[in-house]
Protein backbone atom coordinates (compact mmCIF):
# COMPACT_ATOMS: atom_id res chain seq x y z
CA UNK A 1 103.24 107.12 126.43
CA UNK A 2 106.25 106.30 128.58
CA UNK A 3 109.40 104.24 128.86
CA UNK A 4 110.16 102.27 132.01
CA UNK A 5 113.87 102.01 132.78
CA UNK A 6 115.66 99.03 134.30
CA UNK A 7 115.84 100.81 137.65
CA UNK A 8 112.05 101.22 137.67
CA UNK A 9 111.99 104.90 136.74
CA UNK A 10 109.28 105.97 134.32
CA UNK A 11 110.01 108.59 131.69
CA UNK A 12 107.09 110.14 129.85
CA UNK A 13 107.78 110.53 126.15
CA UNK A 14 106.11 111.80 123.01
CA UNK A 15 107.95 109.53 120.59
CA UNK A 16 110.22 106.51 120.84
CA UNK A 17 112.82 105.10 118.48
CA UNK A 18 113.49 101.48 119.36
CA UNK A 19 117.04 100.85 118.15
CA UNK A 20 118.13 97.54 119.65
CA UNK A 21 119.36 94.22 118.23
CA UNK A 22 116.64 91.88 117.05
CA UNK A 23 117.45 89.57 119.98
CA UNK A 24 116.28 92.19 122.51
CA UNK A 25 113.43 93.63 120.50
CA UNK A 26 110.58 91.23 121.42
CA UNK A 27 111.11 91.37 125.19
CA UNK A 28 110.96 95.17 125.20
CA UNK A 29 107.55 95.34 123.54
CA UNK A 30 106.06 92.10 124.92
CA UNK A 31 103.66 94.01 127.21
CA UNK A 32 102.35 96.38 124.53
CA UNK A 33 98.88 95.05 123.50
CA UNK A 34 98.83 96.89 120.15
CA UNK A 35 101.95 94.98 119.07
CA UNK A 36 100.95 91.48 120.13
CA UNK A 37 100.14 90.35 116.57
CA UNK A 38 102.87 92.32 114.84
CA UNK A 39 104.78 89.95 112.48
CA UNK A 40 108.06 91.70 113.33
CA UNK A 41 107.97 90.18 116.81
CA UNK A 42 107.68 86.66 115.45
CA UNK A 43 110.44 87.32 112.94
CA UNK A 44 112.80 88.63 115.62
CA UNK A 45 112.40 85.35 117.50
CA UNK A 46 113.18 83.31 114.41
CA UNK A 47 116.27 85.14 113.17
CA UNK A 48 119.56 83.33 113.62
CA UNK A 49 122.87 84.97 114.43
CA UNK A 50 125.88 85.02 112.16
CA UNK A 51 129.33 85.55 113.74
CA UNK A 52 132.06 87.91 112.56
CA UNK A 53 135.70 87.42 113.54
CA UNK A 54 138.31 90.14 113.67
CA UNK A 55 141.97 89.12 113.54
CA UNK A 56 144.15 91.97 114.83
CA UNK A 57 147.79 91.91 113.78
CA UNK A 58 150.75 94.13 114.67
CA UNK A 59 153.87 93.93 112.47
CA UNK A 60 157.27 95.54 112.79
CA UNK A 61 156.87 97.24 109.41
CA UNK A 62 154.14 98.14 106.88
CA UNK A 63 152.82 95.19 104.90
CA UNK A 64 150.61 97.04 102.38
CA UNK A 65 150.08 100.58 101.16
CA UNK A 66 146.33 100.29 100.53
CA UNK A 67 143.93 101.57 103.22
CA UNK A 68 141.92 98.37 102.79
CA UNK A 69 141.64 95.41 100.45
CA UNK A 70 139.32 92.50 99.67
CA UNK A 71 140.77 89.00 99.40
CA UNK A 72 138.98 86.31 97.39
CA UNK A 73 139.28 82.55 97.80
CA UNK A 74 140.94 82.79 101.20
CA UNK A 75 139.94 82.62 104.85
CA UNK A 76 140.74 86.35 105.02
CA UNK A 77 138.01 88.53 103.52
CA UNK A 78 138.67 92.19 104.35
CA UNK A 79 142.03 93.66 105.33
CA UNK A 80 142.16 97.13 106.89
CA UNK A 81 145.24 99.22 107.63
CA UNK A 82 144.73 100.80 111.03
CA UNK A 83 146.55 103.61 112.80
CA UNK A 84 149.23 102.50 115.23
CA UNK A 85 148.50 102.94 118.94
CA UNK A 86 151.91 104.57 119.33
CA UNK A 87 155.10 104.93 117.26
CA UNK A 88 156.57 101.88 119.03
CA UNK A 89 153.50 99.62 119.07
CA UNK A 90 153.93 98.31 115.54
CA UNK A 91 151.97 98.60 112.32
CA UNK A 92 148.39 97.56 112.97
CA UNK A 93 146.15 95.65 110.54
CA UNK A 94 142.74 94.08 110.97
CA UNK A 95 141.43 91.13 109.01
CA UNK A 96 137.65 90.65 109.08
CA UNK A 97 135.96 87.30 108.45
CA UNK A 98 132.16 87.30 108.14
CA UNK A 99 130.00 84.22 108.77
CA UNK A 100 132.97 82.74 110.64
CA UNK A 101 131.17 79.69 112.01
CA UNK A 102 133.99 77.44 110.79
CA UNK A 103 136.33 79.09 113.30
CA UNK A 104 134.25 78.21 116.37
CA UNK A 105 136.48 75.27 117.35
CA UNK A 106 139.69 76.43 115.67
CA UNK A 107 142.93 77.04 117.52
CA UNK A 108 143.57 80.78 117.58
CA UNK A 109 147.27 80.45 116.89
CA UNK A 110 146.49 78.34 113.83
CA UNK A 111 144.00 80.95 112.59
CA UNK A 112 146.63 83.67 112.93
CA UNK A 113 149.21 81.53 111.15
CA UNK A 114 146.84 80.91 108.21
CA UNK A 115 145.93 84.60 107.98
CA UNK A 116 149.58 85.68 107.98
CA UNK A 117 150.37 83.09 105.28
CA UNK A 118 147.56 84.46 103.12
CA UNK A 119 148.76 88.03 103.57
CA UNK A 120 152.27 87.01 102.56
CA UNK A 121 150.93 85.43 99.38
CA UNK A 122 149.06 88.61 98.40
CA UNK A 123 151.35 91.38 99.68
CA UNK A 124 155.05 90.77 98.88
CA UNK A 125 156.17 93.47 101.33
CA UNK A 126 154.74 91.42 104.21
CA UNK A 127 157.09 88.48 103.63
CA UNK A 128 159.94 90.08 105.52
CA UNK A 129 157.76 91.48 108.29
CA UNK A 130 157.80 90.11 111.83
CA UNK A 131 154.49 89.61 113.63
CA UNK A 132 154.83 91.34 117.00
CA UNK A 133 151.53 90.30 118.52
CA UNK A 134 148.01 89.29 117.55
CA UNK A 135 144.49 89.05 118.88
CA UNK A 136 141.47 87.12 117.61
CA UNK A 137 138.01 88.44 118.59
CA UNK A 138 134.72 86.84 117.54
CA UNK A 139 131.33 88.51 118.00
CA UNK A 140 129.00 85.52 117.89
CA UNK A 141 125.83 87.61 117.46
CA UNK A 142 127.31 90.23 115.15
CA UNK A 143 124.53 90.24 112.54
CA UNK A 144 121.48 88.23 111.62
CA UNK A 145 121.85 85.37 109.17
CA UNK A 146 120.07 86.17 105.86
CA UNK A 147 118.22 82.87 105.52
CA UNK A 148 115.95 82.31 102.48
CA UNK A 149 112.68 84.20 102.78
CA UNK A 150 113.91 86.62 105.45
CA UNK A 151 114.33 89.67 103.22
CA UNK A 152 110.62 90.02 102.43
CA UNK A 153 109.75 89.79 106.14
CA UNK A 154 112.09 92.47 107.49
CA UNK A 155 109.93 95.20 109.08
CA UNK A 156 110.05 98.84 108.06
CA UNK A 157 110.75 101.68 110.47
CA UNK A 158 107.02 102.30 110.73
CA UNK A 159 105.21 100.31 113.43
CA UNK A 160 101.52 99.84 114.40
CA UNK A 161 102.01 102.66 116.94
CA UNK A 162 102.16 106.12 115.36
CA UNK A 163 104.75 107.39 117.85
CA UNK A 164 107.00 104.32 117.85
CA UNK A 165 109.65 103.91 115.17
CA UNK A 166 112.02 101.02 114.62
CA UNK A 167 115.72 101.20 113.77
CA UNK A 168 118.54 98.72 113.46
CA UNK A 169 120.54 96.87 110.83
CA UNK A 170 117.93 94.09 110.76
CA UNK A 171 114.97 96.16 109.54
CA UNK A 172 114.15 96.68 105.86
CA UNK A 173 116.64 99.22 104.52
CA UNK A 174 117.57 97.72 101.15
CA UNK A 175 120.95 96.87 102.67
CA UNK A 176 122.21 93.72 104.38
CA UNK A 177 123.17 93.79 108.07
CA UNK A 178 125.88 96.45 107.84
CA UNK A 179 126.81 99.69 109.56
CA UNK A 180 125.57 101.52 106.47
CA UNK A 181 122.23 99.74 106.77
CA UNK A 182 121.99 100.66 110.44
CA UNK A 183 122.60 104.34 109.65
CA UNK A 184 119.98 104.26 106.92
CA UNK A 185 117.48 102.73 109.36
CA UNK A 186 118.05 105.70 111.66
CA UNK A 187 117.16 108.07 108.84
CA UNK A 188 114.00 106.07 108.20
CA UNK A 189 113.05 106.19 111.88
CA UNK A 190 113.53 109.97 111.87
CA UNK A 191 111.21 110.20 108.87
CA UNK A 192 108.53 108.24 110.75
CA UNK A 193 108.73 110.60 113.74
CA UNK A 194 108.70 113.73 111.57
CA UNK A 195 105.69 112.43 109.68
CA UNK A 196 103.86 111.81 112.98
CA UNK A 197 104.64 115.40 113.96
CA UNK A 198 103.11 116.66 110.74
CA UNK A 199 106.49 117.65 109.32
CA UNK A 200 107.12 115.04 106.61
CA UNK A 201 110.67 115.15 105.36
CA UNK A 202 113.11 112.92 103.54
CA UNK A 203 116.19 112.28 105.70
CA UNK A 204 118.00 109.43 103.99
CA UNK A 205 120.89 110.52 101.82
CA UNK A 206 121.12 109.41 98.21
CA UNK A 207 123.06 106.28 97.37
CA UNK A 208 126.60 106.84 96.14
CA UNK A 209 126.98 106.52 92.36
CA UNK A 210 128.22 103.12 91.23
CA UNK A 211 131.84 102.98 90.16
CA UNK A 212 132.73 101.66 86.71
CA UNK A 213 133.96 98.32 88.06
CA UNK A 214 130.75 97.83 90.05
CA UNK A 215 128.60 98.58 87.00
CA UNK A 216 130.58 96.11 84.89
CA UNK A 217 130.36 93.35 87.49
CA UNK A 218 126.64 93.93 88.06
CA UNK A 219 125.83 93.81 84.36
CA UNK A 220 127.96 90.71 84.01
CA UNK A 221 126.04 88.99 86.82
CA UNK A 222 122.74 89.81 85.15
């Protein structure tokens, strides 16, 4: 019936969408009796974090023409070509490393050196480029770790309270913990609220059609 803010203010509401990381979820609903036995609360306390590291690189010249690329068999996983901050700031690229636990105790300069070496092996035009500056940023609680048995326990957007919906990349969306999954969870939460208002409606957009390469790889895996 209401939300109490950190400063003590109370705001009466008709509906609530709880869109917070799983780490904050349980504490926000701990005092709601109707949710005391909800399995989602127990799950949120058991989920483990998985870190993601972003290696930001600025070169004196372009090192690849692609907007992004996937590297296989290397420390680097995703490479994105970013827009330069200014014409004189250099050509900006971001390398993303998921589940980067192995980098926790690594020297940052050594990580950058390895990443640059890998880029030079894959993109010939990078071999003559000079690295102007770099930055390594790790989000230690970026996503939840998909341990065995977790998928079947992820909660849906619907909760035991008719006017409370759940959203976030950790709920059951059919996607892993990604930005796309988080967006889809928001659509699902909207559907829950609309249904409670007596206006049922489908909000989630259709999946994109699979490209030929994806279909071939999927059939090959099966």
